[in-house]
Structures are given as C-alpha cells and as structure tokens.
Amino acid sequence: MNSWDAGLAGLLVGTMGVSLLSNALVLLCLLHSADIRRQAPALFTLNLTCGNLLCTVVNMPLTLAGVVAQRPPAGDRLCRLAAFLDTFLAANSMLSMAALSIDRWVAVVFPLSYRAKMRLRDAALMVAYTWLHALTFPAAALALSWLGFHQLYASCTLCSRRPDERLRFAVFTGVFHALSFLLSFVVLCCTYCKVLKVARFHCKRIDVITMQTLVLLVDIHPSVRERCLEEQKRRRQRASRKISTFIGTFLVCFAPYVITRLVELSSAVPISSHWGVLSKCLAYSKAASDPFVYSLLRHQYRKSCREILNRVLHRRSLRSSGLTRDSHSQNILPVSE
C-alpha cells in the first residue's frame, strides 16, 4: 500500500469516527428531547441520521477494506447488498436534504400557516416518498445485475462489467443522478433562494426601524450606536452564510463523485483510481458533516446536549460521592469496634 492509499485509508477512518459519534449524538438528542420530536423536521433529521449511521457501519468499512486490500472486500452476495445500500442511501440522503429545504421554505414563507401545512403526517408522507424514490433505482439495478465491486472507487456500488450493456448502463446512470443529485440541487437552490429573499426583506424592515430609533435617540452613547450597526451587518450576513453552507456542503461532497461517475462513462477520459476513491470519500464525508450542518449547531440540539451532559456528570458525581461515603463508613467501623 503506497502513501496515497494510506492517506485515503486514514481519511476514511477519520470520516467514519466523526460520522459515528456525531450521528449517534443526534439520535441521543432526538430520544432525549420531546420538544424536538414533536416538530415535523425531526422526521427528516431522523431519516437522514439513520441513513448516515447505516452508511458508516456498512459501506465505509467495506470501502476501507477495498482500499487496503485492492480487491473485493466481501463475497459477491454481500457486495451486491452493500451496493444496493450504497445506491439507496446516497439517493435518500440527497432527497432528505431537499425535504429539509422544503420544510424551511414553508416555515419562512408561510410562518402563520406552517403548522397546518407541515404536520407530522405530511412529513411522514414526504419521508415515505423519499424511500420509494430512492429504492426504485437500486431495485432496478439489482434486477439488471448492475451492482457489484467497482475497482475505480474500491467500493461496492453501481457497475456494469458487460461491454454490450454500456449504453443502457450510461442512460441508467444519467437518469439516476438527474433524479437524485440534480433534482435535489434544483430544489435546494429554489427553496433557499426564496428563504433568502424573505430573510433580506425582513432584515430591511428591521434596519429601517433601527435607523429611525437611532435618529430619535439623540443622546444615545456612540458605542451603543456602533453595536446596533454591527448587529445590522451580522443580521444581513447570517442568512446568506447559512444558506451558503447548506448548498455548499451539498455540492462539495456530492458533485465530485457524480461528475466522476458521468465522466467515467466516456472511455476517452482516463480517471485515476486515487481520484475515484477520493471522490467517494468526499461523498461519504457528507454523513460526517450533516449532523453539524442540520442539527448539532441549532439551539435546541445544543440545549439537549447540555442536558444530557449534565445528567451524565450528575450521575457520576452521585456515584463517586456514594463510593466515598461507603469507604468512609468502612474506615470508621473497625475503630468503633
């Protein structure tokens, strides 16, 4: 194994560790907080988190074994099952992000009717459609025997070994990525552009009120005025920064792999196996970044994490104090005797 392979293996191990810990923490927050569970986005987050954990414990270790051994990491049946999961989980992850963006669009554009438009039942129907949509392509690939170990990506995924099926497989791959990656990207751009437009409109209204207040308060201290103006600037940038993060992580993680898969269909362009594995690692890195982008940096999840940590520390302190009392009583008993 050369230095490139060792670096890619290390990247995979790091991605697996971060993904496992962060997604498990999101699940703990969902189990701990009833307030989070009552909201419709919790279903989308749960669906995304479970998919990320499944990818972390099944697909990533097999890809790591493929990188290290430079051969299929498992038998044909297990590899086909892993390829089925890989295709399903990739589409499910992209569509779940699109569902979360639709939820944000409804919440921001229709705030007064959000609870009526986005109930738990509506969220469950969207998750059911996501599963049905995502299952269609791996099921078709399984029926056509287009699942197996792909040497370029060192992983079990979509592949075709027969030259006479090259055109059909190319069409299938193009349709799959158009209805998963491209569709989700278009939904993300449309919904978040609407959200950004509404956010900027509200920022302008708040800025007008703030400036009118500052004009009326002639005796206000200059430092207070400066803080108000700085808060205005931060308010304008906050929505743009969040939306850029949502769309940017989606593109950075998935676009290299999708483009590589499409370019691969053209035999005129040779692709390095190291780049193939790296693009696959970038796609896997979405499972590690999703908990931070969509969950753990939000106020409710941070609050739930603090409560879980306080509960754990409280139990430890009670246990240690109990052990201290027991040892103290054992030391006193012989003296009293």
Protein backbone atom coordinates (compact mmCIF):
# COMPACT_ATOMS: atom_id res chain seq x y z
CA MET A 1 0.00 0.00 0.00
CA ASN A 2 1.56 3.33 -1.11
CA SER A 3 1.32 6.71 0.60
CA TRP A 4 -1.76 7.73 -1.43
CA ASP A 5 -3.66 4.63 -0.35
CA ALA A 6 -2.54 5.12 3.26
CA GLY A 7 -3.76 8.72 3.19
CA LEU A 8 -7.12 7.71 1.71
CA ALA A 9 -7.46 4.96 4.30
CA GLY A 10 -6.72 7.47 7.07
CA LEU A 11 -9.30 9.87 5.61
CA LEU A 12 -11.88 7.09 5.61
CA VAL A 13 -11.12 6.13 9.20
CA GLY A 14 -11.43 9.76 10.32
CA THR A 15 -14.70 10.19 8.43
CA MET A 16 -16.07 7.01 10.00
CA GLY A 17 -15.17 8.14 13.51
CA VAL A 18 -16.65 11.64 13.17
CA SER A 19 -19.76 10.34 11.41
CA LEU A 20 -20.42 7.64 14.00
CA LEU A 21 -20.03 9.93 17.01
CA SER A 22 -21.90 12.94 15.59
CA ASN A 23 -24.85 10.96 14.19
CA ALA A 24 -25.13 8.95 17.42
CA LEU A 25 -25.23 12.24 19.34
CA VAL A 26 -28.07 13.48 17.09
CA LEU A 27 -30.01 10.29 17.84
CA LEU A 28 -29.45 10.80 21.58
CA CYS A 29 -30.78 14.36 21.30
CA LEU A 30 -33.86 13.13 19.44
CA LEU A 31 -34.50 10.47 22.09
CA HIS A 32 -33.90 12.90 24.95
CA SER A 33 -35.89 15.94 23.79
CA ALA A 34 -39.65 15.65 23.39
CA ASP A 35 -39.75 19.22 22.03
CA ILE A 36 -37.54 18.25 19.08
CA ARG A 37 -39.54 15.07 18.39
CA ARG A 38 -42.82 16.99 18.22
CA GLN A 39 -41.61 19.03 15.25
CA ALA A 40 -42.01 17.82 11.67
CA PRO A 41 -38.31 18.34 10.71
CA ALA A 42 -37.40 15.71 13.33
CA LEU A 43 -38.64 13.01 10.94
CA PHE A 44 -36.40 14.29 8.14
CA THR A 45 -33.46 14.53 10.54
CA LEU A 46 -34.14 11.02 11.87
CA ASN A 47 -34.30 9.62 8.35
CA LEU A 48 -31.06 11.36 7.37
CA THR A 49 -29.27 10.34 10.59
CA CYS A 50 -30.25 6.66 10.39
CA GLY A 51 -29.11 6.56 6.76
CA ASN A 52 -25.79 8.16 7.69
CA LEU A 53 -25.24 5.65 10.50
CA LEU A 54 -26.08 2.72 8.22
CA CYS A 55 -23.62 4.02 5.62
CA THR A 56 -20.98 4.46 8.34
CA VAL A 57 -21.21 0.93 9.73
CA VAL A 58 -21.73 -0.95 6.42
CA ASN A 59 -20.42 0.87 3.34
CA MET A 60 -17.47 2.81 4.74
CA PRO A 61 -15.75 -0.22 6.36
CA LEU A 62 -16.14 -2.22 3.12
CA THR A 63 -14.65 0.63 1.10
CA LEU A 64 -11.80 0.87 3.63
CA ALA A 65 -11.16 -2.86 3.20
CA GLY A 66 -11.25 -2.41 -0.59
CA VAL A 67 -8.69 0.42 -0.42
CA VAL A 68 -6.35 -1.58 1.81
CA ALA A 69 -6.67 -4.95 0.03
CA GLN A 70 -7.11 -3.58 -3.55
CA ARG A 71 -9.70 -6.28 -4.22
CA PRO A 72 -13.37 -7.02 -3.43
CA PRO A 73 -13.71 -6.83 0.36
CA ALA A 74 -16.51 -9.41 0.59
CA GLY A 75 -18.31 -12.16 -1.28
CA ASP A 76 -20.48 -11.47 -4.30
CA ARG A 77 -23.80 -11.55 -2.41
CA LEU A 78 -22.62 -9.30 0.42
CA CYS A 79 -21.07 -6.90 -2.09
CA ARG A 80 -24.35 -6.70 -4.04
CA LEU A 81 -26.22 -5.99 -0.80
CA ALA A 82 -23.71 -3.27 0.09
CA ALA A 83 -24.02 -1.80 -3.42
CA PHE A 84 -27.81 -1.80 -3.07
CA LEU A 85 -27.48 0.06 0.25
CA ASP A 86 -24.91 2.47 -1.20
CA THR A 87 -27.19 3.47 -4.07
CA PHE A 88 -30.28 3.71 -1.87
CA LEU A 89 -28.59 5.68 0.92
CA ALA A 90 -26.99 8.16 -1.48
CA ALA A 91 -30.34 8.98 -3.10
CA ASN A 92 -32.12 9.00 0.27
CA SER A 93 -29.56 11.43 1.72
CA MET A 94 -29.91 13.88 -1.18
CA LEU A 95 -33.71 13.75 -1.15
CA SER A 96 -33.78 14.16 2.65
CA MET A 97 -31.80 17.40 2.29
CA ALA A 98 -34.30 18.55 -0.33
CA ALA A 99 -37.13 17.73 2.09
CA LEU A 100 -35.45 19.75 4.85
CA SER A 101 -35.10 22.71 2.48
CA ILE A 102 -38.82 22.49 1.61
CA ASP A 103 -39.62 22.49 5.33
CA ARG A 104 -37.51 25.63 5.85
CA TRP A 105 -39.18 27.31 2.86
CA VAL A 106 -42.67 26.62 4.25
CA ALA A 107 -41.61 27.82 7.73
CA VAL A 108 -40.13 31.11 6.47
CA VAL A 109 -42.50 31.98 3.60
CA PHE A 110 -45.71 30.81 5.34
CA PRO A 111 -44.95 31.27 9.06
CA LEU A 112 -48.58 31.68 10.19
CA SER A 113 -49.83 28.55 8.41
CA TYR A 114 -46.68 26.43 8.90
CA ARG A 115 -48.22 24.08 11.48
CA ALA A 116 -51.19 23.44 9.21
CA LYS A 117 -49.07 22.92 6.10
CA MET A 118 -46.28 20.84 7.67
CA ARG A 119 -47.74 18.37 10.14
CA LEU A 120 -46.10 15.15 11.28
CA ARG A 121 -48.36 13.25 8.90
CA ASP A 122 -47.21 15.41 5.98
CA ALA A 123 -43.57 14.90 6.97
CA ALA A 124 -44.14 11.11 7.18
CA LEU A 125 -45.61 11.14 3.66
CA MET A 126 -42.58 13.04 2.36
CA VAL A 127 -40.23 10.53 4.01
CA ALA A 128 -42.24 7.66 2.52
CA TYR A 129 -41.91 9.21 -0.95
CA THR A 130 -38.18 9.70 -0.36
CA TRP A 131 -37.80 6.00 0.44
CA LEU A 132 -39.90 4.93 -2.57
CA HIS A 133 -37.96 7.22 -4.91
CA ALA A 134 -34.60 6.12 -3.51
CA LEU A 135 -35.48 2.39 -3.63
CA THR A 136 -36.52 2.46 -7.29
CA PHE A 137 -33.02 2.74 -8.75
CA PRO A 138 -31.15 0.12 -6.67
CA ALA A 139 -34.05 -2.29 -7.19
CA ALA A 140 -33.81 -1.80 -10.97
CA ALA A 141 -30.01 -2.14 -10.83
CA LEU A 142 -30.34 -5.35 -8.82
CA ALA A 143 -32.74 -6.80 -11.40
CA LEU A 144 -30.33 -5.88 -14.21
CA SER A 145 -27.25 -7.20 -12.32
CA TRP A 146 -25.63 -3.76 -12.23
CA LEU A 147 -24.46 -3.98 -8.63
CA GLY A 148 -21.03 -5.14 -7.51
CA PHE A 149 -17.46 -4.15 -6.70
CA HIS A 150 -16.11 -1.19 -8.69
CA GLN A 151 -12.31 -1.10 -8.76
CA LEU A 152 -12.13 2.62 -9.56
CA TYR A 153 -13.89 3.55 -6.29
CA ALA A 154 -12.69 0.49 -4.31
CA SER A 155 -16.28 0.07 -3.15
CA CYS A 156 -19.43 -1.93 -3.78
CA THR A 157 -21.68 0.30 -5.87
CA LEU A 158 -23.28 0.62 -9.32
CA CYS A 159 -21.19 -1.06 -12.01
CA SER A 160 -21.55 -2.92 -15.29
CA ARG A 161 -18.99 -5.45 -16.50
CA ARG A 162 -20.55 -6.30 -19.87
CA PRO A 163 -19.48 -4.08 -22.82
CA ASP A 164 -22.74 -4.72 -24.72
CA GLU A 165 -24.69 -3.04 -21.87
CA ARG A 166 -22.55 0.09 -21.82
CA LEU A 167 -25.13 2.37 -23.46
CA ARG A 168 -28.02 1.12 -21.32
CA PHE A 169 -25.93 1.48 -18.16
CA ALA A 170 -24.88 5.01 -19.18
CA VAL A 171 -28.52 6.03 -19.66
CA PHE A 172 -29.47 4.45 -16.33
CA THR A 173 -26.62 6.21 -14.51
CA GLY A 174 -27.51 9.55 -16.10
CA VAL A 175 -31.18 9.24 -15.15
CA PHE A 176 -30.29 8.14 -11.62
CA HIS A 177 -28.07 11.16 -10.97
CA ALA A 178 -30.51 13.53 -12.70
CA LEU A 179 -33.38 12.39 -10.46
CA SER A 180 -31.32 12.31 -7.27
CA PHE A 181 -28.42 14.79 -7.34
CA LEU A 182 -29.69 17.29 -9.92
CA LEU A 183 -33.30 17.24 -8.68
CA SER A 184 -32.20 17.76 -5.07
CA PHE A 185 -29.80 20.54 -6.09
CA VAL A 186 -32.54 22.38 -8.01
CA VAL A 187 -34.93 22.06 -5.04
CA LEU A 188 -32.24 23.32 -2.66
CA CYS A 189 -31.48 26.34 -4.84
CA CYS A 190 -35.13 27.26 -5.43
CA THR A 191 -36.27 26.91 -1.83
CA TYR A 192 -33.27 28.58 -0.21
CA CYS A 193 -33.33 31.45 -2.71
CA LYS A 194 -36.94 32.10 -1.64
CA VAL A 195 -35.89 31.85 2.01
CA LEU A 196 -33.01 34.28 1.42
CA LYS A 197 -35.31 36.73 -0.33
CA VAL A 198 -37.77 36.73 2.60
CA ALA A 199 -34.92 36.98 5.14
CA ARG A 200 -33.44 40.01 3.36
CA PHE A 201 -36.86 41.67 3.21
CA HIS A 202 -37.28 41.24 6.98
CA CYS A 203 -33.72 42.50 7.55
CA LYS A 204 -34.51 45.68 5.59
CA ARG A 205 -37.63 46.28 7.66
CA ILE A 206 -35.68 45.79 10.90
CA ASP A 207 -32.89 48.06 9.61
CA VAL A 208 -35.38 50.85 8.85
CA ILE A 209 -36.87 50.60 12.35
CA THR A 210 -33.40 50.51 13.92
CA MET A 211 -32.22 53.59 11.99
CA GLN A 212 -35.39 55.51 12.89
CA THR A 213 -34.82 54.63 16.55
CA LEU A 214 -31.19 55.74 16.41
CA VAL A 215 -32.20 59.06 14.85
CA LEU A 216 -34.78 59.69 17.59
CA LEU A 217 -32.38 58.78 20.40
CA VAL A 218 -30.04 61.74 20.03
CA ASP A 219 -28.45 61.22 23.45
CA ILE A 220 -27.50 57.61 22.79
CA HIS A 221 -23.89 56.69 23.51
CA PRO A 222 -21.71 56.21 20.38
CA SER A 223 -20.69 52.70 21.46
CA VAL A 224 -24.35 51.62 21.60
CA ARG A 225 -24.92 53.07 18.13
CA GLU A 226 -21.89 51.17 16.80
CA ARG A 227 -23.14 47.91 18.33
CA CYS A 228 -26.52 48.39 16.68
CA LEU A 229 -24.91 48.98 13.31
CA GLU A 230 -22.67 45.91 13.74
CA GLU A 231 -25.71 43.79 14.62
CA GLN A 232 -27.38 45.04 11.43
CA LYS A 233 -24.40 43.86 9.40
CA ARG A 234 -24.31 40.47 11.13
CA ARG A 235 -28.06 40.04 10.60
CA ARG A 236 -27.68 40.59 6.85
CA GLN A 237 -24.84 38.08 6.62
CA ARG A 238 -26.34 35.37 8.85
CA ALA A 239 -28.96 34.07 6.41
CA SER A 240 -26.56 34.17 3.46
CA ARG A 241 -23.92 32.29 5.43
CA LYS A 242 -26.32 29.53 6.50
CA ILE A 243 -27.76 29.04 3.02
CA SER A 244 -24.27 29.03 1.50
CA THR A 245 -23.33 26.31 4.00
CA PHE A 246 -26.35 24.15 3.10
CA ILE A 247 -25.82 24.36 -0.65
CA GLY A 248 -22.01 24.48 -0.47
CA THR A 249 -21.62 21.27 1.57
CA PHE A 250 -24.05 19.51 -0.77
CA LEU A 251 -22.00 20.48 -3.83
CA VAL A 252 -18.54 19.94 -2.31
CA CYS A 253 -19.43 16.46 -1.06
CA PHE A 254 -21.57 15.05 -3.87
CA ALA A 255 -20.60 16.94 -7.06
CA PRO A 256 -17.08 15.43 -7.47
CA TYR A 257 -18.40 11.88 -7.19
CA VAL A 258 -21.38 12.47 -9.51
CA ILE A 259 -19.22 14.23 -12.13
CA THR A 260 -16.65 11.43 -11.92
CA ARG A 261 -19.36 8.81 -12.45
CA LEU A 262 -20.63 10.64 -15.52
CA VAL A 263 -17.15 11.26 -16.95
CA GLU A 264 -16.31 7.60 -16.34
CA LEU A 265 -18.97 6.61 -18.88
CA SER A 266 -16.82 8.23 -21.57
CA SER A 267 -13.87 5.94 -22.26
CA ALA A 268 -11.98 8.87 -23.84
CA VAL A 269 -11.16 10.38 -20.42
CA PRO A 270 -8.94 8.21 -18.16
CA ILE A 271 -9.62 8.56 -14.42
CA SER A 272 -7.08 7.85 -11.70
CA SER A 273 -8.13 5.28 -9.13
CA HIS A 274 -6.87 7.61 -6.39
CA TRP A 275 -9.22 10.35 -7.58
CA GLY A 276 -12.08 7.81 -7.78
CA VAL A 277 -11.58 6.78 -4.16
CA LEU A 278 -11.13 10.41 -3.06
CA SER A 279 -14.42 11.41 -4.72
CA LYS A 280 -16.10 8.51 -2.91
CA CYS A 281 -14.57 9.68 0.38
CA LEU A 282 -15.97 13.17 -0.25
CA ALA A 283 -19.42 11.67 -0.78
CA TYR A 284 -19.03 9.76 2.50
CA SER A 285 -17.94 12.95 4.27
CA LYS A 286 -21.50 14.28 3.89
CA ALA A 287 -22.52 11.74 6.54
CA ALA A 288 -20.00 13.34 8.92
CA SER A 289 -20.96 16.95 8.15
CA ASP A 290 -24.77 16.57 8.14
CA PRO A 291 -25.15 16.39 11.96
CA PHE A 292 -23.35 19.73 12.34
CA VAL A 293 -24.97 21.47 9.36
CA TYR A 294 -28.56 20.42 10.11
CA SER A 295 -28.71 19.58 13.82
CA LEU A 296 -25.98 19.99 16.40
CA LEU A 297 -25.33 23.70 15.80
CA ARG A 298 -29.00 24.60 16.34
CA HIS A 299 -30.13 25.96 19.71
CA GLN A 300 -32.49 23.09 20.58
CA TYR A 301 -29.86 20.42 19.92
CA ARG A 302 -27.18 22.33 21.84
CA LYS A 303 -29.58 22.63 24.77
CA SER A 304 -30.35 18.91 24.60
CA CYS A 305 -26.61 18.09 24.50
CA ARG A 306 -26.02 20.21 27.60
CA GLU A 307 -28.86 18.47 29.43
CA ILE A 308 -27.51 15.04 28.51
CA LEU A 309 -24.01 16.05 29.63
CA ASN A 310 -25.30 17.48 32.91
CA ARG A 311 -27.27 14.30 33.57
CA VAL A 312 -24.22 12.11 32.94
CA LEU A 313 -21.98 14.29 35.13
CA HIS A 314 -24.63 14.39 37.87
CA ARG A 315 -24.88 10.59 37.91
CA ARG A 316 -21.09 10.29 38.07
CA SER A 317 -20.89 12.76 40.94
CA LEU A 318 -23.62 10.88 42.84
CA ARG A 319 -21.83 7.58 42.23
CA SER A 320 -18.46 8.95 43.35
CA SER A 321 -19.98 10.55 46.46
CA GLY A 322 -21.71 7.23 47.27
CA LEU A 323 -18.44 5.35 46.95
CA THR A 324 -16.72 7.94 49.15
CA ARG A 325 -19.39 7.52 51.86
CA ASP A 326 -19.08 3.73 51.71
CA SER A 327 -15.31 3.81 52.03
CA HIS A 328 -15.57 6.33 54.87
CA SER A 329 -18.04 4.16 56.77
CA GLN A 330 -15.82 1.09 56.28
CA ASN A 331 -12.90 3.00 57.75
CA ILE A 332 -14.93 4.09 60.79
CA LEU A 333 -16.43 0.65 61.64
CA PRO A 334 -13.18 -1.01 62.80
CA VAL A 335 -12.41 1.95 65.06
CA SER A 336 -15.85 1.78 66.69
CA GLU A 337 -15.44 -1.92 67.28
